[in-house]
Amino acid sequence: MKKNSYIVVAFIILIFGIWAVPKIAGKFSEQELVKFELVPDFEFTNQDNVQISNKNYENKVYIVEFFFTSCPTICPVMNKSMVKIQNEFYGNPDFGMASISIDPKRDTPEVLKTYAKKNGITLKNWYLLTGKKDDIYAFSHDGFRLYVGENKDVEGGFEHSGLFALIDKNGYIRSRTVKSGENVNPIKYYNGLDDKEVQWLKEDIAILLKE
C-alpha cells in the first residue's frame, strides 16, 4: 500500500471502531482484559475444503486476522507474527487461529493450502478461510468494525489493517488496557506489525487460557 492509503485506512478503522470503546474508559486497571462485543456467527471454508464455523472455536481462545495470499506489503509481516504466536501455544488444544482472506475469488482452498505449506502454518486449529466476498466483508465490517476493501490504486489491490482480534472462550472480543496520561484505556485490537503488541497478545492469550 502507498503511505496515503495507510492513513485513509487508519482513519476509516477509527471511525468504524470508536463506538465500541467503553464509555468508562480510564477506569480500568492495567491488568484487566476488557470485554467487547460478541463475534457474530460465521461459516467459511478452510484450506482443506472443510466448513468451519463458530462451533469449531467453542471453548477456545483464538485470534482473527484479515489478509490475502498475494498481498505484497503487510501480510508477510502479519504472517510472521502469527507463526510466532502459533509456536508459543503449539499443542494447546484450547487455542486456535483464523486467517480470513479478503480476496476469496483468487484465494481458493487449494491456494490457501499451498500458502500454508509455504509459510510455516502447521497448527491443527489454524484455519485459513475463504467464502463469499459479501459475507467476508460483512463479517469484517459488522463483526469487528475493521475496514477491508478493494482499491485498484494501491499495491496488491486491497486495503486492510494489520490488526489482530483476540477472542475469548465464550466468543467475545477481548483486549488489554494501556496507560495514556492519567487514563487507562482499552486498545481493542493488537497491531500485528508491532513486536511489542505481538508480545502483549501472547501474554493476554495466556491469561484467557486460564479463565
N, C-alpha and C. Protein backbone atom coordinates (compact mmCIF):
# COMPACT_ATOMS: atom_id res chain seq x y z
N MET A 1 0.82 -1.20 0.00
CA MET A 1 0.00 0.00 0.00
C MET A 1 0.86 1.25 0.00
N LYS A 2 0.34 2.35 -0.59
CA LYS A 2 1.01 3.62 -0.51
C LYS A 2 0.77 4.24 0.85
N LYS A 3 1.66 5.14 1.25
CA LYS A 3 1.58 5.76 2.56
C LYS A 3 0.24 6.44 2.78
N ASN A 4 -0.24 7.18 1.78
CA ASN A 4 -1.51 7.89 1.92
C ASN A 4 -2.68 6.93 2.11
N SER A 5 -2.58 5.76 1.49
CA SER A 5 -3.64 4.77 1.64
C SER A 5 -3.69 4.23 3.05
N TYR A 6 -2.51 4.02 3.67
CA TYR A 6 -2.49 3.56 5.07
C TYR A 6 -3.17 4.58 5.96
N ILE A 7 -2.96 5.88 5.68
CA ILE A 7 -3.58 6.92 6.51
C ILE A 7 -5.09 6.86 6.37
N VAL A 8 -5.58 6.69 5.13
CA VAL A 8 -7.02 6.60 4.90
C VAL A 8 -7.61 5.40 5.62
N VAL A 9 -6.94 4.24 5.50
CA VAL A 9 -7.43 3.03 6.16
C VAL A 9 -7.48 3.22 7.67
N ALA A 10 -6.42 3.79 8.23
CA ALA A 10 -6.38 4.02 9.67
C ALA A 10 -7.53 4.90 10.12
N PHE A 11 -7.85 5.94 9.32
CA PHE A 11 -8.95 6.84 9.66
C PHE A 11 -10.28 6.11 9.64
N ILE A 12 -10.47 5.28 8.59
CA ILE A 12 -11.73 4.54 8.47
C ILE A 12 -11.88 3.57 9.62
N ILE A 13 -10.77 2.89 9.99
CA ILE A 13 -10.82 1.95 11.11
C ILE A 13 -11.21 2.67 12.39
N LEU A 14 -10.67 3.89 12.57
CA LEU A 14 -11.00 4.66 13.76
C LEU A 14 -12.48 4.98 13.79
N ILE A 15 -13.05 5.42 12.63
CA ILE A 15 -14.46 5.77 12.57
C ILE A 15 -15.32 4.54 12.81
N PHE A 16 -14.93 3.39 12.21
CA PHE A 16 -15.69 2.15 12.37
C PHE A 16 -15.67 1.67 13.81
N GLY A 17 -14.52 1.79 14.46
CA GLY A 17 -14.34 1.10 15.73
C GLY A 17 -14.52 1.93 16.98
N ILE A 18 -14.55 3.25 16.86
CA ILE A 18 -14.52 4.06 18.07
C ILE A 18 -15.76 3.91 18.93
N TRP A 19 -16.89 3.59 18.28
CA TRP A 19 -18.13 3.44 19.04
C TRP A 19 -18.06 2.33 20.06
N ALA A 20 -17.20 1.32 19.79
CA ALA A 20 -17.17 0.13 20.64
C ALA A 20 -16.32 0.30 21.88
N VAL A 21 -15.55 1.40 21.99
CA VAL A 21 -14.73 1.60 23.17
C VAL A 21 -15.64 1.97 24.33
N PRO A 22 -15.57 1.28 25.45
CA PRO A 22 -16.46 1.55 26.56
C PRO A 22 -16.42 3.00 26.99
N LYS A 23 -17.60 3.53 27.36
CA LYS A 23 -17.71 4.92 27.74
C LYS A 23 -16.97 5.22 29.03
N ILE A 24 -16.66 4.18 29.80
CA ILE A 24 -15.98 4.41 31.07
C ILE A 24 -14.49 4.22 30.96
N ALA A 25 -13.96 4.35 29.73
CA ALA A 25 -12.52 4.23 29.53
C ALA A 25 -11.80 5.16 30.48
N GLY A 26 -10.72 4.66 31.04
CA GLY A 26 -9.98 5.45 32.01
C GLY A 26 -10.17 4.94 33.42
N LYS A 27 -11.13 4.00 33.61
CA LYS A 27 -11.42 3.48 34.95
C LYS A 27 -11.01 2.02 35.10
N PHE A 28 -10.26 1.51 34.14
CA PHE A 28 -9.83 0.12 34.20
C PHE A 28 -8.50 0.02 34.93
N SER A 29 -8.20 -1.20 35.39
CA SER A 29 -6.85 -1.47 35.85
C SER A 29 -6.05 -1.94 34.64
N GLU A 30 -4.73 -1.77 34.68
CA GLU A 30 -3.90 -2.13 33.53
C GLU A 30 -3.86 -3.64 33.31
N GLN A 31 -4.21 -4.44 34.31
CA GLN A 31 -4.15 -5.89 34.18
C GLN A 31 -5.47 -6.46 33.67
N GLU A 32 -6.52 -5.67 33.64
CA GLU A 32 -7.83 -6.16 33.27
C GLU A 32 -7.96 -6.29 31.75
N LEU A 33 -8.50 -7.42 31.30
CA LEU A 33 -8.78 -7.59 29.88
C LEU A 33 -10.24 -7.20 29.64
N VAL A 34 -10.43 -6.19 28.83
CA VAL A 34 -11.75 -5.63 28.60
C VAL A 34 -12.54 -6.53 27.66
N LYS A 35 -13.85 -6.65 27.91
CA LYS A 35 -14.73 -7.44 27.05
C LYS A 35 -15.51 -6.50 26.14
N PHE A 36 -15.44 -6.80 24.83
CA PHE A 36 -16.20 -6.05 23.84
C PHE A 36 -17.35 -6.91 23.33
N GLU A 37 -17.79 -6.67 22.10
CA GLU A 37 -18.96 -7.36 21.58
C GLU A 37 -18.69 -8.84 21.27
N LEU A 38 -19.76 -9.58 21.18
CA LEU A 38 -19.72 -11.00 20.81
C LEU A 38 -19.49 -11.11 19.31
N VAL A 39 -18.56 -11.99 18.92
CA VAL A 39 -18.32 -12.22 17.49
C VAL A 39 -19.57 -12.88 16.88
N PRO A 40 -20.10 -12.33 15.78
CA PRO A 40 -21.30 -12.93 15.18
C PRO A 40 -21.01 -14.31 14.60
N ASP A 41 -22.07 -15.07 14.41
CA ASP A 41 -21.92 -16.39 13.80
C ASP A 41 -21.31 -16.28 12.41
N PHE A 42 -20.48 -17.24 12.07
CA PHE A 42 -19.88 -17.27 10.75
C PHE A 42 -19.70 -18.70 10.30
N GLU A 43 -19.56 -18.88 9.00
CA GLU A 43 -19.24 -20.19 8.42
C GLU A 43 -18.51 -19.97 7.10
N PHE A 44 -17.25 -20.39 7.05
CA PHE A 44 -16.43 -20.25 5.87
C PHE A 44 -15.76 -21.59 5.57
N THR A 45 -15.01 -21.65 4.46
CA THR A 45 -14.35 -22.88 4.02
C THR A 45 -12.86 -22.77 4.26
N ASN A 46 -12.26 -23.81 4.85
CA ASN A 46 -10.83 -23.73 5.16
C ASN A 46 -9.95 -24.31 4.06
N GLN A 47 -8.65 -24.35 4.33
CA GLN A 47 -7.68 -24.79 3.32
C GLN A 47 -7.81 -26.27 2.96
N ASP A 48 -8.55 -27.02 3.76
CA ASP A 48 -8.80 -28.43 3.45
C ASP A 48 -10.19 -28.63 2.86
N ASN A 49 -10.82 -27.51 2.45
CA ASN A 49 -12.16 -27.55 1.85
C ASN A 49 -13.21 -28.07 2.83
N VAL A 50 -13.03 -27.74 4.11
CA VAL A 50 -13.96 -28.13 5.16
C VAL A 50 -14.65 -26.89 5.71
N GLN A 51 -15.95 -26.99 5.97
CA GLN A 51 -16.69 -25.86 6.51
C GLN A 51 -16.31 -25.63 7.98
N ILE A 52 -15.96 -24.39 8.28
CA ILE A 52 -15.55 -24.01 9.63
C ILE A 52 -16.47 -22.91 10.13
N SER A 53 -16.95 -23.05 11.36
CA SER A 53 -17.86 -22.07 11.94
C SER A 53 -17.46 -21.76 13.37
N ASN A 54 -18.28 -20.95 14.03
CA ASN A 54 -18.04 -20.65 15.45
C ASN A 54 -17.90 -21.92 16.28
N LYS A 55 -18.63 -22.94 15.90
CA LYS A 55 -18.61 -24.17 16.71
C LYS A 55 -17.22 -24.79 16.79
N ASN A 56 -16.41 -24.59 15.76
CA ASN A 56 -15.04 -25.12 15.77
C ASN A 56 -14.16 -24.40 16.79
N TYR A 57 -14.59 -23.23 17.23
CA TYR A 57 -13.81 -22.45 18.19
C TYR A 57 -14.47 -22.39 19.57
N GLU A 58 -15.51 -23.17 19.78
CA GLU A 58 -16.17 -23.18 21.09
C GLU A 58 -15.18 -23.59 22.17
N ASN A 59 -15.20 -22.84 23.27
CA ASN A 59 -14.32 -23.10 24.42
C ASN A 59 -12.83 -22.97 24.07
N LYS A 60 -12.55 -22.22 23.03
CA LYS A 60 -11.15 -21.95 22.64
C LYS A 60 -10.88 -20.45 22.66
N VAL A 61 -9.65 -20.11 23.01
CA VAL A 61 -9.16 -18.74 22.81
C VAL A 61 -8.59 -18.71 21.39
N TYR A 62 -8.95 -17.68 20.62
CA TYR A 62 -8.42 -17.66 19.26
C TYR A 62 -8.21 -16.24 18.75
N ILE A 63 -7.44 -16.15 17.66
CA ILE A 63 -7.11 -14.88 17.03
C ILE A 63 -7.78 -14.84 15.65
N VAL A 64 -8.26 -13.67 15.28
CA VAL A 64 -8.80 -13.46 13.93
C VAL A 64 -7.98 -12.37 13.24
N GLU A 65 -7.60 -12.63 11.99
CA GLU A 65 -6.96 -11.62 11.15
C GLU A 65 -7.60 -11.67 9.76
N PHE A 66 -7.49 -10.56 9.03
CA PHE A 66 -7.94 -10.49 7.64
C PHE A 66 -6.72 -10.23 6.77
N PHE A 67 -6.58 -11.01 5.70
CA PHE A 67 -5.37 -10.97 4.87
C PHE A 67 -5.72 -11.43 3.46
N PHE A 68 -4.73 -11.51 2.57
CA PHE A 68 -4.90 -12.21 1.30
C PHE A 68 -3.53 -12.72 0.86
N THR A 69 -3.52 -13.85 0.19
CA THR A 69 -2.26 -14.57 -0.05
C THR A 69 -1.31 -13.84 -0.99
N SER A 70 -1.83 -13.01 -1.89
CA SER A 70 -0.96 -12.31 -2.84
C SER A 70 -0.54 -10.93 -2.33
N CYS A 71 -0.86 -10.62 -1.10
CA CYS A 71 -0.52 -9.32 -0.51
C CYS A 71 0.99 -9.11 -0.51
N PRO A 72 1.48 -8.02 -1.13
CA PRO A 72 2.92 -7.81 -1.23
C PRO A 72 3.48 -6.90 -0.14
N THR A 73 2.63 -6.44 0.77
CA THR A 73 3.08 -5.42 1.73
C THR A 73 3.05 -5.93 3.17
N ILE A 74 1.92 -5.76 3.86
CA ILE A 74 1.90 -6.04 5.31
C ILE A 74 1.61 -7.50 5.66
N CYS A 75 0.98 -8.25 4.76
CA CYS A 75 0.60 -9.63 5.10
C CYS A 75 1.78 -10.53 5.44
N PRO A 76 2.90 -10.45 4.73
CA PRO A 76 4.04 -11.29 5.12
C PRO A 76 4.52 -11.00 6.54
N VAL A 77 4.47 -9.75 6.95
CA VAL A 77 4.85 -9.40 8.33
C VAL A 77 3.83 -9.95 9.31
N MET A 78 2.55 -9.80 8.98
CA MET A 78 1.50 -10.33 9.83
C MET A 78 1.64 -11.85 9.99
N ASN A 79 1.94 -12.54 8.87
CA ASN A 79 2.08 -13.99 8.94
C ASN A 79 3.22 -14.41 9.86
N LYS A 80 4.34 -13.69 9.80
CA LYS A 80 5.46 -14.00 10.69
C LYS A 80 5.06 -13.83 12.15
N SER A 81 4.27 -12.80 12.43
CA SER A 81 3.79 -12.60 13.80
C SER A 81 2.86 -13.73 14.22
N MET A 82 1.99 -14.15 13.31
CA MET A 82 1.06 -15.23 13.63
C MET A 82 1.82 -16.54 13.86
N VAL A 83 2.85 -16.79 13.07
CA VAL A 83 3.63 -18.01 13.25
C VAL A 83 4.32 -18.01 14.62
N LYS A 84 4.83 -16.85 15.04
CA LYS A 84 5.44 -16.74 16.37
C LYS A 84 4.43 -17.10 17.46
N ILE A 85 3.19 -16.62 17.29
CA ILE A 85 2.14 -16.92 18.27
C ILE A 85 1.78 -18.40 18.20
N GLN A 86 1.67 -18.94 16.98
CA GLN A 86 1.43 -20.37 16.80
C GLN A 86 2.44 -21.20 17.58
N ASN A 87 3.70 -20.86 17.42
CA ASN A 87 4.77 -21.63 18.05
C ASN A 87 4.75 -21.51 19.57
N GLU A 88 4.29 -20.35 20.06
CA GLU A 88 4.21 -20.13 21.50
C GLU A 88 3.19 -21.06 22.17
N PHE A 89 2.10 -21.34 21.45
CA PHE A 89 1.00 -22.11 22.04
C PHE A 89 0.77 -23.43 21.33
N TYR A 90 1.79 -23.88 20.62
CA TYR A 90 1.67 -25.11 19.84
C TYR A 90 1.31 -26.29 20.75
N GLY A 91 0.33 -27.07 20.31
CA GLY A 91 -0.07 -28.25 21.06
C GLY A 91 -1.14 -27.99 22.10
N ASN A 92 -1.49 -26.72 22.33
CA ASN A 92 -2.56 -26.42 23.29
C ASN A 92 -3.91 -26.57 22.58
N PRO A 93 -4.73 -27.53 22.98
CA PRO A 93 -6.00 -27.78 22.29
C PRO A 93 -7.02 -26.68 22.48
N ASP A 94 -6.77 -25.79 23.44
CA ASP A 94 -7.72 -24.71 23.74
C ASP A 94 -7.38 -23.42 23.01
N PHE A 95 -6.45 -23.49 22.05
CA PHE A 95 -6.05 -22.30 21.31
C PHE A 95 -6.23 -22.52 19.81
N GLY A 96 -6.68 -21.47 19.11
CA GLY A 96 -6.87 -21.56 17.67
C GLY A 96 -6.60 -20.23 16.99
N MET A 97 -6.58 -20.26 15.66
CA MET A 97 -6.31 -19.07 14.86
C MET A 97 -7.19 -19.11 13.62
N ALA A 98 -7.57 -17.91 13.13
CA ALA A 98 -8.38 -17.80 11.92
C ALA A 98 -7.83 -16.70 11.04
N SER A 99 -7.39 -17.05 9.85
CA SER A 99 -6.90 -16.08 8.87
C SER A 99 -7.90 -16.06 7.72
N ILE A 100 -8.60 -14.94 7.56
CA ILE A 100 -9.73 -14.87 6.62
C ILE A 100 -9.33 -14.04 5.41
N SER A 101 -9.41 -14.63 4.23
CA SER A 101 -8.99 -13.95 3.01
C SER A 101 -10.03 -12.93 2.56
N ILE A 102 -9.55 -11.73 2.20
CA ILE A 102 -10.43 -10.70 1.65
C ILE A 102 -10.39 -10.73 0.12
N ASP A 103 -9.72 -11.73 -0.43
CA ASP A 103 -9.66 -11.93 -1.88
C ASP A 103 -10.10 -13.36 -2.21
N PRO A 104 -11.36 -13.69 -1.86
CA PRO A 104 -11.80 -15.08 -2.00
C PRO A 104 -11.88 -15.59 -3.44
N LYS A 105 -11.96 -14.67 -4.40
CA LYS A 105 -12.01 -15.09 -5.79
C LYS A 105 -10.75 -15.85 -6.18
N ARG A 106 -9.60 -15.34 -5.73
CA ARG A 106 -8.32 -15.99 -6.03
C ARG A 106 -7.90 -16.97 -4.95
N ASP A 107 -8.27 -16.66 -3.71
CA ASP A 107 -7.83 -17.50 -2.59
C ASP A 107 -8.79 -18.66 -2.37
N THR A 108 -8.69 -19.64 -3.25
CA THR A 108 -9.46 -20.87 -3.13
C THR A 108 -8.85 -21.75 -2.04
N PRO A 109 -9.55 -22.79 -1.60
CA PRO A 109 -8.95 -23.70 -0.61
C PRO A 109 -7.59 -24.24 -1.06
N GLU A 110 -7.45 -24.53 -2.34
CA GLU A 110 -6.19 -25.06 -2.84
C GLU A 110 -5.06 -24.03 -2.72
N VAL A 111 -5.37 -22.78 -3.04
CA VAL A 111 -4.39 -21.71 -2.92
C VAL A 111 -4.01 -21.51 -1.46
N LEU A 112 -5.00 -21.54 -0.58
CA LEU A 112 -4.74 -21.37 0.85
C LEU A 112 -3.89 -22.50 1.40
N LYS A 113 -4.12 -23.71 0.91
CA LYS A 113 -3.34 -24.86 1.39
C LYS A 113 -1.87 -24.73 0.97
N THR A 114 -1.65 -24.28 -0.24
CA THR A 114 -0.28 -24.06 -0.71
C THR A 114 0.39 -22.96 0.10
N TYR A 115 -0.35 -21.90 0.36
CA TYR A 115 0.17 -20.79 1.17
C TYR A 115 0.57 -21.27 2.56
N ALA A 116 -0.28 -22.11 3.15
CA ALA A 116 0.00 -22.63 4.49
C ALA A 116 1.31 -23.42 4.51
N LYS A 117 1.50 -24.25 3.51
CA LYS A 117 2.72 -25.06 3.45
C LYS A 117 3.96 -24.20 3.27
N LYS A 118 3.85 -23.13 2.50
CA LYS A 118 5.00 -22.26 2.22
C LYS A 118 5.34 -21.34 3.39
N ASN A 119 4.38 -21.13 4.29
CA ASN A 119 4.56 -20.10 5.32
C ASN A 119 4.55 -20.62 6.75
N GLY A 120 4.82 -21.91 6.91
CA GLY A 120 5.01 -22.44 8.25
C GLY A 120 3.75 -22.57 9.08
N ILE A 121 2.60 -22.67 8.42
CA ILE A 121 1.33 -22.79 9.13
C ILE A 121 1.04 -24.27 9.34
N THR A 122 1.25 -24.73 10.56
CA THR A 122 1.12 -26.16 10.85
C THR A 122 0.19 -26.47 12.01
N LEU A 123 -0.23 -25.45 12.74
CA LEU A 123 -1.12 -25.66 13.89
C LEU A 123 -2.44 -26.26 13.43
N LYS A 124 -2.88 -27.31 14.09
CA LYS A 124 -4.10 -28.01 13.70
C LYS A 124 -5.30 -27.08 13.70
N ASN A 125 -5.37 -26.19 14.68
CA ASN A 125 -6.52 -25.30 14.82
C ASN A 125 -6.31 -23.93 14.18
N TRP A 126 -5.37 -23.84 13.22
CA TRP A 126 -5.19 -22.59 12.47
C TRP A 126 -5.84 -22.79 11.11
N TYR A 127 -6.98 -22.15 10.93
CA TYR A 127 -7.74 -22.30 9.69
C TYR A 127 -7.58 -21.05 8.83
N LEU A 128 -7.20 -21.27 7.55
CA LEU A 128 -7.19 -20.22 6.55
C LEU A 128 -8.53 -20.31 5.83
N LEU A 129 -9.29 -19.22 5.85
CA LEU A 129 -10.69 -19.30 5.46
C LEU A 129 -11.02 -18.45 4.24
N THR A 130 -11.93 -18.98 3.43
CA THR A 130 -12.44 -18.28 2.26
C THR A 130 -13.94 -18.50 2.18
N GLY A 131 -14.58 -17.77 1.31
CA GLY A 131 -16.04 -17.89 1.20
C GLY A 131 -16.58 -16.84 0.25
N LYS A 132 -17.84 -16.48 0.41
CA LYS A 132 -18.43 -15.44 -0.42
C LYS A 132 -17.90 -14.08 0.01
N LYS A 133 -17.52 -13.28 -0.97
CA LYS A 133 -16.93 -11.97 -0.68
C LYS A 133 -17.84 -11.12 0.19
N ASP A 134 -19.12 -11.05 -0.14
CA ASP A 134 -20.03 -10.21 0.63
C ASP A 134 -20.11 -10.66 2.08
N ASP A 135 -20.09 -11.96 2.31
CA ASP A 135 -20.15 -12.49 3.68
C ASP A 135 -18.88 -12.13 4.46
N ILE A 136 -17.73 -12.26 3.80
CA ILE A 136 -16.46 -11.95 4.46
C ILE A 136 -16.36 -10.47 4.80
N TYR A 137 -16.75 -9.62 3.85
CA TYR A 137 -16.66 -8.18 4.08
C TYR A 137 -17.64 -7.74 5.17
N ALA A 138 -18.83 -8.32 5.18
CA ALA A 138 -19.80 -8.00 6.23
C ALA A 138 -19.29 -8.46 7.59
N PHE A 139 -18.64 -9.62 7.61
CA PHE A 139 -18.08 -10.14 8.87
C PHE A 139 -17.02 -9.20 9.42
N SER A 140 -16.16 -8.68 8.54
CA SER A 140 -15.13 -7.75 8.98
C SER A 140 -15.73 -6.42 9.41
N HIS A 141 -16.60 -5.86 8.59
CA HIS A 141 -17.15 -4.54 8.86
C HIS A 141 -18.12 -4.54 10.05
N ASP A 142 -19.04 -5.50 10.05
CA ASP A 142 -20.09 -5.52 11.08
C ASP A 142 -19.66 -6.25 12.34
N GLY A 143 -18.88 -7.30 12.16
CA GLY A 143 -18.48 -8.10 13.31
C GLY A 143 -17.34 -7.49 14.11
N PHE A 144 -16.43 -6.79 13.41
CA PHE A 144 -15.24 -6.26 14.07
C PHE A 144 -15.06 -4.75 13.89
N ARG A 145 -15.87 -4.14 13.02
CA ARG A 145 -15.69 -2.72 12.69
C ARG A 145 -14.28 -2.46 12.15
N LEU A 146 -13.79 -3.42 11.38
CA LEU A 146 -12.49 -3.28 10.72
C LEU A 146 -12.71 -3.14 9.23
N TYR A 147 -12.14 -2.12 8.63
CA TYR A 147 -12.34 -1.87 7.21
C TYR A 147 -11.50 -2.82 6.35
N VAL A 148 -12.14 -3.39 5.35
CA VAL A 148 -11.44 -4.09 4.26
C VAL A 148 -12.11 -3.65 2.97
N GLY A 149 -11.35 -3.61 1.90
CA GLY A 149 -11.94 -3.19 0.64
C GLY A 149 -10.99 -3.32 -0.53
N GLU A 150 -11.56 -3.31 -1.71
CA GLU A 150 -10.77 -3.33 -2.93
C GLU A 150 -10.38 -1.90 -3.30
N ASN A 151 -9.17 -1.76 -3.81
CA ASN A 151 -8.70 -0.46 -4.28
C ASN A 151 -7.63 -0.71 -5.33
N LYS A 152 -7.97 -0.49 -6.56
CA LYS A 152 -7.04 -0.78 -7.66
C LYS A 152 -5.83 0.14 -7.66
N ASP A 153 -5.91 1.23 -6.89
CA ASP A 153 -4.82 2.20 -6.88
C ASP A 153 -3.74 1.90 -5.83
N VAL A 154 -3.96 0.87 -5.01
CA VAL A 154 -2.94 0.54 -4.00
C VAL A 154 -2.24 -0.76 -4.40
N GLU A 155 -1.06 -0.93 -3.89
CA GLU A 155 -0.27 -2.12 -4.21
C GLU A 155 -0.98 -3.37 -3.69
N GLY A 156 -1.21 -4.33 -4.56
CA GLY A 156 -1.92 -5.54 -4.19
C GLY A 156 -3.40 -5.51 -4.49
N GLY A 157 -3.97 -4.29 -4.59
CA GLY A 157 -5.36 -4.16 -5.00
C GLY A 157 -6.38 -4.21 -3.88
N PHE A 158 -5.93 -4.37 -2.63
CA PHE A 158 -6.85 -4.44 -1.50
C PHE A 158 -6.31 -3.62 -0.34
N GLU A 159 -7.24 -3.11 0.47
CA GLU A 159 -6.88 -2.39 1.68
C GLU A 159 -7.39 -3.13 2.90
N HIS A 160 -6.55 -3.20 3.92
CA HIS A 160 -6.96 -3.80 5.19
C HIS A 160 -5.95 -3.38 6.24
N SER A 161 -6.28 -3.64 7.48
CA SER A 161 -5.38 -3.27 8.57
C SER A 161 -4.43 -4.42 8.89
N GLY A 162 -3.47 -4.15 9.75
CA GLY A 162 -2.59 -5.19 10.25
C GLY A 162 -2.97 -5.61 11.65
N LEU A 163 -4.25 -5.46 11.99
CA LEU A 163 -4.70 -5.69 13.36
C LEU A 163 -5.17 -7.12 13.58
N PHE A 164 -4.89 -7.63 14.79
CA PHE A 164 -5.34 -8.95 15.22
C PHE A 164 -6.41 -8.78 16.29
N ALA A 165 -7.47 -9.58 16.19
CA ALA A 165 -8.52 -9.59 17.22
C ALA A 165 -8.34 -10.82 18.10
N LEU A 166 -8.44 -10.62 19.40
CA LEU A 166 -8.32 -11.70 20.37
C LEU A 166 -9.72 -12.06 20.87
N ILE A 167 -10.08 -13.34 20.75
CA ILE A 167 -11.41 -13.80 21.12
C ILE A 167 -11.32 -14.78 22.29
N ASP A 168 -12.19 -14.61 23.28
CA ASP A 168 -12.13 -15.49 24.45
C ASP A 168 -12.94 -16.77 24.24
N LYS A 169 -12.96 -17.63 25.24
CA LYS A 169 -13.61 -18.94 25.12
C LYS A 169 -15.12 -18.85 24.93
N ASN A 170 -15.68 -17.70 25.26
CA ASN A 170 -17.12 -17.50 25.10
C ASN A 170 -17.48 -16.71 23.85
N GLY A 171 -16.47 -16.42 23.03
CA GLY A 171 -16.73 -15.77 21.75
C GLY A 171 -16.74 -14.26 21.77
N TYR A 172 -16.21 -13.65 22.84
CA TYR A 172 -16.18 -12.19 22.93
C TYR A 172 -14.80 -11.65 22.56
N ILE A 173 -14.78 -10.50 21.88
CA ILE A 173 -13.53 -9.80 21.61
C ILE A 173 -12.99 -9.26 22.92
N ARG A 174 -11.71 -9.47 23.17
CA ARG A 174 -11.08 -9.00 24.40
C ARG A 174 -9.80 -8.24 24.08
N SER A 175 -9.39 -7.36 24.98
CA SER A 175 -8.10 -6.70 24.82
C SER A 175 -7.60 -6.18 26.15
N ARG A 176 -6.32 -5.91 26.21
CA ARG A 176 -5.72 -5.31 27.38
C ARG A 176 -5.96 -3.81 27.36
N THR A 177 -5.57 -3.16 28.43
CA THR A 177 -5.62 -1.72 28.52
C THR A 177 -4.20 -1.19 28.62
N VAL A 178 -4.02 0.05 28.19
CA VAL A 178 -2.71 0.70 28.29
C VAL A 178 -2.90 2.08 28.89
N LYS A 179 -1.88 2.54 29.59
CA LYS A 179 -1.96 3.84 30.24
C LYS A 179 -1.62 4.94 29.25
N SER A 180 -2.45 5.97 29.23
CA SER A 180 -2.24 7.14 28.40
C SER A 180 -2.49 8.37 29.26
N GLY A 181 -1.42 9.01 29.69
CA GLY A 181 -1.57 10.12 30.63
C GLY A 181 -2.09 9.61 31.95
N GLU A 182 -3.20 10.16 32.41
CA GLU A 182 -3.79 9.72 33.67
C GLU A 182 -4.82 8.62 33.46
N ASN A 183 -5.16 8.33 32.22
CA ASN A 183 -6.19 7.33 31.92
C ASN A 183 -5.59 6.00 31.53
N VAL A 184 -6.38 4.94 31.75
CA VAL A 184 -6.03 3.60 31.31
C VAL A 184 -7.13 3.17 30.34
N ASN A 185 -6.78 3.02 29.07
CA ASN A 185 -7.77 2.79 28.02
C ASN A 185 -7.56 1.46 27.30
N PRO A 186 -8.64 0.82 26.84
CA PRO A 186 -8.51 -0.43 26.09
C PRO A 186 -8.01 -0.17 24.68
N ILE A 187 -7.20 -1.10 24.15
CA ILE A 187 -6.71 -0.94 22.78
C ILE A 187 -7.63 -1.62 21.76
N LYS A 188 -8.43 -2.52 22.18
CA LYS A 188 -9.37 -3.36 21.42
C LYS A 188 -8.66 -4.35 20.52
N TYR A 189 -7.76 -3.88 19.64
CA TYR A 189 -7.04 -4.78 18.73
C TYR A 189 -5.54 -4.63 18.90
N TYR A 190 -4.81 -5.66 18.47
CA TYR A 190 -3.36 -5.70 18.61
C TYR A 190 -2.72 -5.52 17.24
N ASN A 191 -1.72 -4.68 17.16
CA ASN A 191 -1.04 -4.41 15.90
C ASN A 191 -0.08 -5.55 15.57
N GLY A 192 -0.42 -6.31 14.55
CA GLY A 192 0.39 -7.46 14.15
C GLY A 192 1.69 -7.08 13.49
N LEU A 193 1.92 -5.78 13.28
CA LEU A 193 3.16 -5.30 12.67
C LEU A 193 4.13 -4.78 13.72
N ASP A 194 3.72 -4.84 14.97
CA ASP A 194 4.49 -4.26 16.07
C ASP A 194 4.90 -5.38 17.04
N ASP A 195 6.20 -5.61 17.18
CA ASP A 195 6.68 -6.70 18.04
C ASP A 195 6.22 -6.54 19.48
N LYS A 196 6.15 -5.33 19.97
CA LYS A 196 5.71 -5.10 21.35
C LYS A 196 4.26 -5.54 21.53
N GLU A 197 3.40 -5.19 20.58
CA GLU A 197 1.99 -5.56 20.71
C GLU A 197 1.77 -7.05 20.48
N VAL A 198 2.60 -7.66 19.65
CA VAL A 198 2.52 -9.12 19.48
C VAL A 198 2.88 -9.80 20.79
N GLN A 199 3.86 -9.27 21.51
CA GLN A 199 4.20 -9.81 22.82
C GLN A 199 3.05 -9.62 23.81
N TRP A 200 2.41 -8.44 23.77
CA TRP A 200 1.23 -8.22 24.61
C TRP A 200 0.17 -9.29 24.32
N LEU A 201 -0.02 -9.55 23.03
CA LEU A 201 -1.03 -10.53 22.63
C LEU A 201 -0.72 -11.91 23.19
N LYS A 202 0.53 -12.31 23.13
CA LYS A 202 0.92 -13.60 23.70
C LYS A 202 0.58 -13.66 25.19
N GLU A 203 0.91 -12.60 25.90
CA GLU A 203 0.65 -12.54 27.34
C GLU A 203 -0.84 -12.62 27.63
N ASP A 204 -1.65 -11.96 26.80
CA ASP A 204 -3.08 -11.92 27.05
C ASP A 204 -3.78 -13.21 26.64
N ILE A 205 -3.24 -13.89 25.63
CA ILE A 205 -3.74 -15.23 25.30
C ILE A 205 -3.56 -16.14 26.51
N ALA A 206 -2.38 -16.08 27.14
CA ALA A 206 -2.11 -16.92 28.30
C ALA A 206 -3.09 -16.64 29.43
N ILE A 207 -3.44 -15.37 29.60
CA ILE A 207 -4.42 -15.01 30.64
C ILE A 207 -5.79 -15.62 30.33
N LEU A 208 -6.23 -15.50 29.09
CA LEU A 208 -7.56 -16.01 28.73
C LEU A 208 -7.61 -17.54 28.78
N LEU A 209 -6.51 -18.18 28.47
CA LEU A 209 -6.50 -19.65 28.53
C LEU A 209 -6.73 -20.17 29.95
N LYS A 210 -6.43 -19.33 30.93
CA LYS A 210 -6.62 -19.72 32.33
C LYS A 210 -8.02 -19.41 32.84
N GLU A 211 -8.79 -18.64 32.09
CA GLU A 211 -10.15 -18.27 32.54
C GLU A 211 -11.11 -19.45 32.45
